[in-house]
């Protein structure tokens, strides 16, 4: 079997075996469930999105500068 096909099948299996998970610790969940308005929940969700997006932006910028450097050489 081709190496790229094997790698594709491994990554595809990760997406097919998805489980429902709770992404918050017990303390965060208790604090968010006990609150009447959703302002704290929105803040925690925004924080998670920012923490998730920053590494992708940094790595994407790094690859962009490497691409420009190699293309201009």
Protein backbone atom coordinates (compact mmCIF):
# COMPACT_ATOMS: atom_id res chain seq x y z
CA UNK A 1 0.00 0.00 0.00
CA UNK A 2 1.21 3.48 -0.79
CA UNK A 3 2.56 5.48 2.15
CA UNK A 4 0.31 8.48 1.47
CA UNK A 5 -2.78 6.24 1.37
CA UNK A 6 -1.81 4.72 4.72
CA UNK A 7 -1.35 8.17 6.29
CA UNK A 8 -4.69 9.31 4.88
CA UNK A 9 -6.47 6.26 6.31
CA UNK A 10 -4.95 6.82 9.75
CA UNK A 11 -6.08 10.45 9.85
CA UNK A 12 -9.51 9.57 8.45
CA UNK A 13 -9.97 6.99 11.20
CA UNK A 14 -9.43 9.73 13.82
CA UNK A 15 -12.37 11.67 12.40
CA UNK A 16 -14.60 8.61 12.15
CA UNK A 17 -14.01 7.60 15.78
CA UNK A 18 -15.13 10.93 17.24
CA UNK A 19 -16.62 10.93 20.74
CA UNK A 20 -18.69 13.56 22.47
CA UNK A 21 -16.48 15.20 25.06
CA UNK A 22 -16.88 17.95 27.60
CA UNK A 23 -14.10 20.50 27.09
CA UNK A 24 -14.33 22.16 30.48
CA UNK A 25 -12.94 21.12 33.83
CA UNK A 26 -15.36 20.35 36.66
CA UNK A 27 -14.80 23.71 38.38
CA UNK A 28 -15.39 25.74 35.21
CA UNK A 29 -18.49 23.75 34.40
CA UNK A 30 -19.94 24.23 37.90
CA UNK A 31 -19.28 27.97 37.79
CA UNK A 32 -20.89 28.34 34.37
CA UNK A 33 -23.95 26.23 35.16
CA UNK A 34 -24.70 28.14 38.37
CA UNK A 35 -24.71 31.54 36.65
CA UNK A 36 -28.04 33.01 35.52
CA UNK A 37 -26.71 35.14 32.63
CA UNK A 38 -24.30 33.86 29.99
CA UNK A 39 -21.64 36.57 30.14
CA UNK A 40 -19.07 34.42 31.92
CA UNK A 41 -19.74 31.49 29.57
CA UNK A 42 -19.21 33.73 26.54
CA UNK A 43 -15.94 34.97 28.03
CA UNK A 44 -14.63 31.46 28.58
CA UNK A 45 -15.67 30.40 25.08
CA UNK A 46 -13.93 33.44 23.56
CA UNK A 47 -10.79 32.65 25.57
CA UNK A 48 -10.77 29.10 24.24
CA UNK A 49 -11.09 30.36 20.66
CA UNK A 50 -8.22 32.84 21.12
CA UNK A 51 -5.97 30.20 22.68
CA UNK A 52 -6.77 27.84 19.82
CA UNK A 53 -6.28 30.37 17.00
CA UNK A 54 -2.98 32.02 18.02
CA UNK A 55 -0.69 29.01 17.28
CA UNK A 56 -2.28 28.55 13.85
CA UNK A 57 -1.74 32.21 13.00
CA UNK A 58 1.90 32.07 14.13
CA UNK A 59 2.69 28.88 12.22
CA UNK A 60 0.85 30.16 9.13
CA UNK A 61 2.85 33.40 9.24
CA UNK A 62 6.09 31.48 9.61
CA UNK A 63 5.32 29.29 6.60
CA UNK A 64 4.30 32.36 4.59
CA UNK A 65 7.65 34.08 5.25
CA UNK A 66 9.57 30.89 4.44
CA UNK A 67 7.59 30.54 1.21
CA UNK A 68 8.36 34.16 0.23
CA UNK A 69 12.04 33.73 1.07
CA UNK A 70 12.37 30.54 -1.00
CA UNK A 71 10.36 31.95 -3.90
CA UNK A 72 12.48 35.13 -4.18
CA UNK A 73 15.79 33.26 -4.04
